[in-house]
Protein backbone atom coordinates (compact mmCIF):
# COMPACT_ATOMS: atom_id res chain seq x y z
CA MET A 1 33.93 69.06 -33.05
CA SER A 2 38.14 69.35 -31.61
CA HIS A 3 37.23 71.46 -28.71
CA GLN A 4 37.47 69.31 -25.44
CA LEU A 5 35.13 69.74 -22.24
CA PRO A 6 35.25 71.63 -20.04
CA TYR A 7 34.63 74.74 -22.45
CA SER A 8 35.29 78.10 -20.34
CA TYR A 9 34.78 81.74 -21.06
CA GLU A 10 37.53 84.32 -20.14
CA THR A 11 35.37 87.64 -19.38
CA GLU A 12 37.34 91.39 -17.90
CA VAL A 13 36.48 94.19 -16.37
CA GLU A 14 37.85 97.55 -15.15
CA TRP A 15 36.71 100.38 -13.41
CA ALA A 16 36.88 103.15 -15.96
CA ILE A 17 35.43 106.48 -13.58
CA GLY A 18 32.83 106.66 -10.86
CA LYS A 19 30.56 103.78 -11.47
CA LYS A 20 32.07 102.73 -15.09
CA ALA A 21 34.04 100.41 -16.81
CA SER A 22 34.82 98.20 -19.64
CA LEU A 23 33.75 94.43 -20.13
CA ARG A 24 36.47 92.92 -22.30
CA SER A 25 37.21 89.36 -23.46
CA SER A 26 39.76 88.45 -26.34
CA ASP A 27 39.07 89.81 -30.15
CA LEU A 28 35.19 91.01 -28.89
CA PRO A 29 34.34 94.38 -28.58
CA THR A 30 34.93 96.25 -25.73
CA LEU A 31 31.61 96.94 -23.80
CA GLN A 32 31.44 100.43 -20.63
CA VAL A 33 29.31 99.28 -18.02
CA ALA A 34 27.38 100.36 -15.31
CA PRO A 35 24.56 99.98 -13.25
CA PRO A 36 21.30 101.11 -14.36
CA PRO A 37 20.06 104.30 -13.27
CA GLU A 38 17.45 102.94 -10.94
CA PHE A 39 20.33 102.07 -9.30
CA HIS A 40 21.84 105.17 -9.17
CA GLY A 41 24.34 104.80 -12.83
CA GLU A 42 23.50 106.54 -16.48
CA PRO A 43 21.40 106.22 -18.40
CA GLY A 44 22.63 104.89 -22.60
CA VAL A 45 24.76 102.44 -21.11
CA TRP A 46 25.09 98.75 -21.52
CA THR A 47 24.08 97.67 -17.24
CA PRO A 48 24.60 94.28 -16.29
CA GLU A 49 20.65 93.65 -15.96
CA HIS A 50 20.26 94.29 -19.67
CA LEU A 51 23.07 91.71 -20.18
CA TYR A 52 21.49 89.35 -18.17
CA VAL A 53 18.53 89.66 -19.54
CA ALA A 54 20.52 89.61 -23.41
CA ALA A 55 21.73 86.84 -22.84
CA VAL A 56 19.44 84.86 -21.87
CA ASN A 57 17.59 86.09 -25.36
CA ALA A 58 20.91 85.37 -27.21
CA CYS A 59 21.13 81.79 -25.97
CA PHE A 60 17.86 81.70 -26.64
CA ALA A 61 17.79 82.82 -30.27
CA MET A 62 20.77 80.63 -31.56
CA THR A 63 19.21 77.71 -29.49
CA PHE A 64 16.26 77.73 -31.65
CA LEU A 65 17.99 78.51 -35.57
CA GLY A 66 21.04 75.30 -34.64
CA VAL A 67 17.22 73.62 -33.71
CA ALA A 68 15.66 74.35 -37.07
CA GLU A 69 18.66 74.32 -39.32
CA PHE A 70 19.17 70.64 -37.97
CA SER A 71 15.06 70.33 -38.63
CA LYS A 72 15.53 70.77 -41.75
CA PHE A 73 13.11 73.56 -40.71
CA GLU A 74 12.84 76.66 -43.47
CA PHE A 75 11.42 79.92 -41.97
CA SER A 76 11.62 83.44 -44.04
CA GLY A 77 12.15 85.56 -40.71
CA PHE A 78 12.57 85.72 -36.93
CA SER A 79 13.83 88.19 -34.78
CA SER A 80 13.15 87.40 -30.42
CA LYS A 81 12.33 90.72 -28.07
CA ALA A 82 12.93 89.89 -24.01
CA THR A 83 12.30 91.65 -20.99
CA GLY A 84 13.74 90.97 -17.16
CA LYS A 85 11.68 91.54 -14.00
CA VAL A 86 13.59 93.27 -11.43
CA ASP A 87 11.76 92.72 -7.68
CA LYS A 88 12.87 93.47 -4.36
CA ILE A 89 12.35 89.52 -2.82
CA ASN A 90 11.54 89.43 1.21
CA GLY A 91 15.35 88.83 3.36
CA SER A 92 17.26 88.25 -0.54
CA GLY A 93 16.66 91.38 -1.93
CA TYR A 94 16.98 92.17 -5.98
CA GLU A 95 16.76 89.33 -7.94
CA VAL A 96 15.90 89.22 -12.15
CA THR A 97 12.54 87.68 -10.95
CA GLU A 98 10.90 86.61 -14.39
CA ILE A 99 13.15 86.81 -18.34
CA VAL A 100 9.53 86.70 -20.79
CA LEU A 101 10.65 86.06 -24.18
CA LYS A 102 8.54 87.16 -27.14
CA PRO A 103 10.04 85.50 -30.13
CA THR A 104 8.26 86.53 -33.67
CA LEU A 105 8.48 83.76 -35.89
CA VAL A 106 7.81 83.90 -40.67
CA VAL A 107 6.65 80.57 -41.64
CA ARG A 108 6.50 80.18 -45.27
CA ASP A 109 2.73 77.93 -44.95
CA ALA A 110 0.54 77.96 -42.35
CA ARG A 111 0.53 74.97 -42.55
CA ASP A 112 3.98 75.17 -40.62
CA ILE A 113 2.91 76.77 -37.24
CA GLU A 114 2.32 73.72 -35.37
CA ARG A 115 5.76 72.71 -36.27
CA ALA A 116 7.45 75.80 -35.60
CA THR A 117 5.87 76.11 -32.82
CA ARG A 118 6.76 72.51 -31.25
CA LEU A 119 10.63 74.20 -32.02
CA LEU A 120 10.81 77.12 -30.55
CA GLU A 121 9.98 75.04 -27.14
CA LYS A 122 12.24 73.13 -28.19
CA ALA A 123 14.27 75.77 -28.29
CA GLU A 124 13.39 76.73 -24.89
CA ARG A 125 13.91 73.56 -23.04
CA ASN A 126 17.86 73.34 -23.93
CA CYS A 127 18.74 76.60 -23.98
CA LEU A 128 21.93 76.21 -22.31
CA ILE A 129 21.86 79.42 -20.30
CA SER A 130 18.41 80.06 -19.15
CA LYS A 131 18.66 75.89 -18.10
CA SER A 132 21.27 77.24 -15.66
CA ILE A 133 19.80 80.12 -14.32
CA LYS A 134 17.23 80.37 -11.12
CA THR A 135 15.32 82.80 -13.00
CA ALA A 136 11.94 82.11 -14.43
CA ILE A 137 11.60 81.93 -18.24
CA ARG A 138 8.18 82.23 -19.71
CA MET A 139 7.66 82.34 -23.83
CA GLU A 140 5.08 84.35 -25.42
CA PRO A 141 5.51 83.29 -29.46
CA GLU A 142 3.69 84.75 -32.41
CA ILE A 143 3.79 83.06 -35.04
CA ASN A 144 3.08 83.97 -38.96
CA SER A 145 2.53 82.57 -42.08
CA GLU A 146 3.70 84.29 -45.05
CA GLN A 147 0.74 84.02 -46.50
CA ALA A 148 -1.17 85.80 -44.36
CA TYR A 149 0.97 88.50 -45.37
CA ALA A 150 -0.29 88.31 -49.33
CA VAL A 151 -3.79 88.35 -48.42
CA VAL A 152 -3.28 91.38 -46.08
CA ALA A 153 -1.06 93.10 -48.84
C-alpha cells in the first residue's frame, strides 16, 4: 500500500438557508443536510443521524466484503439494513444509543451458512467505524441458501 498512516478524511459544511447546509468533500458529490423533522428540520433531506447510521452500515458492509474476499468465500447476494435509535439520556441529552444491523446474505450452498455466520460476526467485530464509537451495535443476520430458493420456486 502506498499510503502512509495516519489517513485523513476532510469534509466541509456550508450553511445554505434556514437549517439547511451543503456537505462536501473533494471529488465526492455534494449532499444537502439538515436536522431531522423531530428536531425542526425538513423531511426528505439527509440528516446527521442518517449519515451516522449509514456510516456504520456502509463500513460493516465494506468490511464484510473485504473479509469474504480475503477468506475466498463465495456468495450470491448481500444487502444490509440498519436502524439507529435516538434516545434522551438523563444528564447527557440526546444520543444514538443503539444501531441494529440487519444483513441479508444468500449463499450458494446450505453447508456454507455456519461459515457465513462466522464471517458476518468477524466483519461486525472489525468494522472501523463501529469500533470507533460508543453506540451499541447489534446484528440480526438473515442467511439463506440458493438451494432454499430453488425448493420454493
